[in-house]
């Protein structure tokens, strides 16, 4: 009989609060020349979908979402769910700045 891969699974609520947002416009470099870039928006990504888009001049952005935490037999924590991106580095939460 094969041992269970995960010995504990639980769900946590991740809360990210972002303040001092970039504003609606910023200067972006293009061939060494500063030029206005915008309008800027911030958001969070669930799988490939961008959700909860806010203007870059909002007072703050608060994102709450569930993350499944799994503990393996050797004590390693693994994070899973639609808000956890599996790329390099192996685990990231995507907050985007859109213009």
N, C-alpha and C. Protein backbone atom coordinates (compact mmCIF):
# COMPACT_ATOMS: atom_id res chain seq x y z
N UNK A 1 0.84 -1.18 0.00
CA UNK A 1 0.00 0.00 0.00
C UNK A 1 0.88 1.24 0.00
N UNK A 2 0.55 2.20 -0.82
CA UNK A 2 1.34 3.43 -0.97
C UNK A 2 0.93 4.46 0.08
N UNK A 3 1.93 5.13 0.69
CA UNK A 3 1.66 6.16 1.70
C UNK A 3 1.06 7.40 1.03
N UNK A 4 0.25 8.12 1.79
CA UNK A 4 -0.36 9.35 1.29
C UNK A 4 0.72 10.37 0.95
N UNK A 5 0.54 11.03 -0.16
CA UNK A 5 1.52 12.02 -0.59
C UNK A 5 1.49 13.26 0.29
N UNK A 6 0.30 13.68 0.71
CA UNK A 6 0.16 14.86 1.56
C UNK A 6 -0.40 14.41 2.90
N UNK A 7 0.20 14.90 3.98
CA UNK A 7 -0.30 14.50 5.29
C UNK A 7 -1.26 15.51 5.88
N UNK A 8 -1.19 16.76 5.40
CA UNK A 8 -2.11 17.80 5.87
C UNK A 8 -2.49 18.66 4.67
N UNK A 9 -3.78 18.96 4.58
CA UNK A 9 -4.24 19.92 3.58
C UNK A 9 -5.19 20.88 4.29
N UNK A 10 -4.97 22.16 4.08
CA UNK A 10 -5.84 23.17 4.67
C UNK A 10 -5.93 24.34 3.71
N UNK A 11 -6.89 25.20 3.95
CA UNK A 11 -7.04 26.38 3.10
C UNK A 11 -6.83 27.63 3.95
N UNK A 12 -6.07 28.56 3.41
CA UNK A 12 -5.87 29.84 4.08
C UNK A 12 -6.43 30.95 3.18
N UNK A 13 -6.67 32.10 3.77
CA UNK A 13 -7.07 33.26 3.00
C UNK A 13 -5.88 34.22 2.95
N UNK A 14 -5.39 34.46 1.75
CA UNK A 14 -4.29 35.40 1.54
C UNK A 14 -4.91 36.78 1.36
N UNK A 15 -4.35 37.77 2.05
CA UNK A 15 -4.82 39.16 1.91
C UNK A 15 -3.62 40.01 1.55
N UNK A 16 -3.71 40.68 0.41
CA UNK A 16 -2.65 41.58 -0.04
C UNK A 16 -3.22 42.99 -0.09
N UNK A 17 -2.56 43.90 0.62
CA UNK A 17 -2.97 45.31 0.63
C UNK A 17 -1.85 46.12 -0.01
N UNK A 18 -2.18 46.82 -1.06
CA UNK A 18 -1.20 47.61 -1.81
C UNK A 18 -1.55 49.09 -1.64
N UNK A 19 -0.56 49.88 -1.26
CA UNK A 19 -0.78 51.33 -1.14
C UNK A 19 0.30 52.05 -1.92
N UNK A 20 0.19 53.34 -2.04
CA UNK A 20 1.10 54.16 -2.82
C UNK A 20 1.18 53.62 -4.25
N UNK A 21 0.02 53.55 -4.88
CA UNK A 21 -0.06 53.06 -6.26
C UNK A 21 0.60 54.05 -7.21
N UNK A 22 0.93 53.62 -8.42
CA UNK A 22 1.74 54.46 -9.32
C UNK A 22 1.06 55.70 -9.88
N UNK A 23 -0.26 55.78 -9.82
CA UNK A 23 -0.97 56.89 -10.46
C UNK A 23 -1.48 56.46 -11.82
N UNK A 24 -2.28 57.30 -12.44
CA UNK A 24 -2.85 56.94 -13.75
C UNK A 24 -1.85 57.03 -14.89
N UNK A 25 -0.84 57.87 -14.73
CA UNK A 25 0.16 58.05 -15.79
C UNK A 25 1.55 57.96 -15.19
N UNK A 26 2.47 57.41 -15.94
CA UNK A 26 3.87 57.39 -15.50
C UNK A 26 4.75 57.58 -16.73
N UNK A 27 6.02 57.80 -16.49
CA UNK A 27 6.96 57.99 -17.60
C UNK A 27 7.61 56.65 -17.92
N UNK A 28 7.54 56.25 -19.15
CA UNK A 28 8.16 54.99 -19.59
C UNK A 28 9.26 55.32 -20.60
N UNK A 29 10.31 54.55 -20.58
CA UNK A 29 11.42 54.79 -21.50
C UNK A 29 11.18 54.04 -22.81
N UNK A 30 11.35 54.77 -23.89
CA UNK A 30 11.27 54.19 -25.22
C UNK A 30 12.42 54.78 -26.02
N UNK A 31 13.42 53.99 -26.31
CA UNK A 31 14.61 54.46 -27.03
C UNK A 31 15.29 55.61 -26.30
N UNK A 32 15.30 55.58 -24.96
CA UNK A 32 15.98 56.60 -24.19
C UNK A 32 15.19 57.88 -23.99
N UNK A 33 14.00 57.95 -24.54
CA UNK A 33 13.20 59.16 -24.42
C UNK A 33 12.05 58.89 -23.45
N UNK A 34 11.86 59.82 -22.50
CA UNK A 34 10.73 59.68 -21.58
C UNK A 34 9.45 60.10 -22.29
N UNK A 35 8.46 59.25 -22.19
CA UNK A 35 7.16 59.59 -22.75
C UNK A 35 6.07 59.07 -21.82
N UNK A 36 4.94 59.74 -21.77
CA UNK A 36 3.87 59.31 -20.87
C UNK A 36 3.37 57.92 -21.21
N UNK A 37 3.01 57.17 -20.18
CA UNK A 37 2.50 55.82 -20.34
C UNK A 37 1.26 55.68 -19.49
N UNK A 38 0.18 55.20 -20.07
CA UNK A 38 -1.03 55.00 -19.29
C UNK A 38 -2.24 54.92 -20.19
N UNK A 39 -3.41 54.91 -19.63
CA UNK A 39 -3.65 54.95 -18.19
C UNK A 39 -3.22 53.64 -17.53
N UNK A 40 -2.71 53.75 -16.32
CA UNK A 40 -2.21 52.61 -15.56
C UNK A 40 -3.33 52.05 -14.68
N UNK A 41 -3.43 50.73 -14.63
CA UNK A 41 -4.36 50.03 -13.76
C UNK A 41 -3.61 48.93 -13.04
N UNK A 42 -4.08 48.53 -11.88
CA UNK A 42 -3.50 47.40 -11.15
C UNK A 42 -4.57 46.32 -11.04
N UNK A 43 -4.13 45.07 -10.94
CA UNK A 43 -5.07 43.96 -10.88
C UNK A 43 -4.40 42.74 -10.28
N UNK A 44 -5.17 41.69 -10.12
CA UNK A 44 -4.66 40.40 -9.69
C UNK A 44 -5.04 39.39 -10.76
N UNK A 45 -4.27 38.32 -10.85
CA UNK A 45 -4.49 37.33 -11.89
C UNK A 45 -4.93 36.00 -11.27
N UNK A 46 -6.04 35.45 -11.79
CA UNK A 46 -6.52 34.12 -11.41
C UNK A 46 -6.36 33.24 -12.64
N UNK A 47 -5.43 32.28 -12.54
CA UNK A 47 -5.02 31.47 -13.68
C UNK A 47 -4.58 32.42 -14.78
N UNK A 48 -5.21 32.40 -15.94
CA UNK A 48 -4.81 33.32 -17.02
C UNK A 48 -5.71 34.55 -17.09
N UNK A 49 -6.69 34.62 -16.21
CA UNK A 49 -7.67 35.71 -16.25
C UNK A 49 -7.26 36.86 -15.32
N UNK A 50 -7.29 38.06 -15.85
CA UNK A 50 -7.03 39.26 -15.05
C UNK A 50 -8.36 39.69 -14.44
N UNK A 51 -8.37 39.87 -13.10
CA UNK A 51 -9.62 40.23 -12.41
C UNK A 51 -9.36 41.38 -11.44
N UNK A 52 -10.41 41.94 -10.92
CA UNK A 52 -10.36 43.01 -9.93
C UNK A 52 -9.43 44.15 -10.35
N UNK A 53 -9.73 44.72 -11.51
CA UNK A 53 -8.92 45.80 -12.06
C UNK A 53 -9.30 47.11 -11.38
N UNK A 54 -8.28 47.83 -10.91
CA UNK A 54 -8.48 49.12 -10.25
C UNK A 54 -7.62 50.18 -10.92
N UNK A 55 -8.06 51.44 -10.94
CA UNK A 55 -7.24 52.50 -11.52
C UNK A 55 -5.97 52.72 -10.71
N UNK A 56 -4.90 53.08 -11.38
CA UNK A 56 -3.61 53.28 -10.74
C UNK A 56 -3.55 54.43 -9.75
N UNK A 57 -4.57 55.26 -9.73
CA UNK A 57 -4.60 56.36 -8.76
C UNK A 57 -5.53 56.06 -7.58
N UNK A 58 -5.98 54.81 -7.44
CA UNK A 58 -6.82 54.43 -6.29
C UNK A 58 -6.03 54.62 -5.01
N UNK A 59 -6.74 54.88 -3.91
CA UNK A 59 -6.08 55.08 -2.62
C UNK A 59 -5.33 53.82 -2.19
N UNK A 60 -5.94 52.66 -2.42
CA UNK A 60 -5.29 51.39 -2.13
C UNK A 60 -5.98 50.29 -2.91
N UNK A 61 -5.34 49.14 -2.99
CA UNK A 61 -5.92 47.95 -3.60
C UNK A 61 -5.82 46.83 -2.58
N UNK A 62 -6.93 46.16 -2.33
CA UNK A 62 -6.93 45.05 -1.38
C UNK A 62 -7.47 43.82 -2.11
N UNK A 63 -6.70 42.76 -2.08
CA UNK A 63 -7.08 41.52 -2.73
C UNK A 63 -7.10 40.40 -1.69
N UNK A 64 -8.19 39.64 -1.64
CA UNK A 64 -8.29 38.47 -0.76
C UNK A 64 -8.68 37.27 -1.61
N UNK A 65 -8.01 36.16 -1.36
CA UNK A 65 -8.29 34.97 -2.15
C UNK A 65 -7.81 33.73 -1.39
N UNK A 66 -8.41 32.56 -1.67
CA UNK A 66 -8.03 31.33 -0.98
C UNK A 66 -6.79 30.69 -1.60
N UNK A 67 -5.99 30.08 -0.75
CA UNK A 67 -4.85 29.28 -1.19
C UNK A 67 -4.89 27.97 -0.41
N UNK A 68 -4.77 26.86 -1.12
CA UNK A 68 -4.71 25.55 -0.48
C UNK A 68 -3.26 25.26 -0.11
N UNK A 69 -3.04 24.93 1.14
CA UNK A 69 -1.69 24.62 1.63
C UNK A 69 -1.64 23.13 1.89
N UNK A 70 -0.64 22.48 1.31
CA UNK A 70 -0.44 21.04 1.50
C UNK A 70 0.91 20.83 2.15
N UNK A 71 0.95 19.95 3.11
CA UNK A 71 2.20 19.59 3.79
C UNK A 71 2.52 18.15 3.40
N UNK A 72 3.70 17.95 2.83
CA UNK A 72 4.11 16.61 2.43
C UNK A 72 4.66 15.85 3.63
N UNK A 73 4.89 14.57 3.45
CA UNK A 73 5.39 13.72 4.54
C UNK A 73 6.73 14.22 5.07
N UNK A 74 7.53 14.89 4.23
CA UNK A 74 8.84 15.39 4.69
C UNK A 74 8.75 16.81 5.25
N UNK A 75 7.52 17.37 5.36
CA UNK A 75 7.35 18.69 5.96
C UNK A 75 7.38 19.85 4.99
N UNK A 76 7.54 19.58 3.72
CA UNK A 76 7.57 20.63 2.70
C UNK A 76 6.18 21.22 2.49
N UNK A 77 6.10 22.55 2.44
CA UNK A 77 4.83 23.22 2.16
C UNK A 77 4.67 23.38 0.66
N UNK A 78 3.48 23.10 0.16
CA UNK A 78 3.15 23.33 -1.25
C UNK A 78 1.88 24.15 -1.31
N UNK A 79 1.85 25.12 -2.21
CA UNK A 79 0.72 26.04 -2.32
C UNK A 79 0.01 25.80 -3.65
N UNK A 80 -1.31 25.72 -3.59
CA UNK A 80 -2.10 25.40 -4.78
C UNK A 80 -3.33 26.28 -4.83
N UNK A 81 -3.88 26.42 -6.02
CA UNK A 81 -5.12 27.15 -6.22
C UNK A 81 -5.04 28.02 -7.46
N UNK A 82 -6.17 28.59 -7.86
CA UNK A 82 -6.21 29.37 -9.09
C UNK A 82 -5.40 30.66 -9.06
N UNK A 83 -5.03 31.14 -7.86
CA UNK A 83 -4.23 32.37 -7.77
C UNK A 83 -2.74 32.08 -7.66
N UNK A 84 -2.36 30.82 -7.58
CA UNK A 84 -0.95 30.43 -7.49
C UNK A 84 -0.49 30.05 -8.89
N UNK A 85 0.50 30.76 -9.38
CA UNK A 85 1.00 30.54 -10.73
C UNK A 85 2.19 29.57 -10.68
N UNK A 86 2.19 28.58 -11.51
CA UNK A 86 3.27 27.59 -11.56
C UNK A 86 4.24 27.93 -12.68
N UNK A 87 5.14 28.85 -12.39
CA UNK A 87 6.19 29.24 -13.32
C UNK A 87 7.48 29.37 -12.53
N UNK A 88 8.53 29.83 -13.17
CA UNK A 88 9.78 30.08 -12.44
C UNK A 88 9.77 31.51 -11.95
N UNK A 89 9.94 31.81 -10.68
CA UNK A 89 10.09 30.85 -9.60
C UNK A 89 8.84 29.99 -9.47
N UNK A 90 8.95 28.85 -8.78
CA UNK A 90 7.86 27.88 -8.78
C UNK A 90 6.52 28.40 -8.28
N UNK A 91 6.52 29.36 -7.36
CA UNK A 91 5.25 29.84 -6.82
C UNK A 91 5.25 31.36 -6.82
N UNK A 92 4.28 31.94 -7.51
CA UNK A 92 4.15 33.39 -7.48
C UNK A 92 2.67 33.77 -7.46
N UNK A 93 2.40 34.89 -6.90
CA UNK A 93 1.07 35.50 -6.95
C UNK A 93 1.22 36.69 -7.89
N UNK A 94 0.41 36.77 -8.93
CA UNK A 94 0.57 37.84 -9.92
C UNK A 94 -0.28 39.05 -9.59
N UNK A 95 0.40 40.15 -9.31
CA UNK A 95 -0.22 41.47 -9.28
C UNK A 95 0.32 42.19 -10.50
N UNK A 96 -0.54 42.71 -11.31
CA UNK A 96 -0.11 43.33 -12.56
C UNK A 96 -0.35 44.82 -12.55
N UNK A 97 0.43 45.51 -13.35
CA UNK A 97 0.23 46.92 -13.60
C UNK A 97 -0.02 47.04 -15.09
N UNK A 98 -1.22 47.45 -15.46
CA UNK A 98 -1.62 47.51 -16.87
C UNK A 98 -1.63 48.94 -17.34
N UNK A 99 -1.25 49.14 -18.56
CA UNK A 99 -1.31 50.47 -19.15
C UNK A 99 -1.93 50.40 -20.50
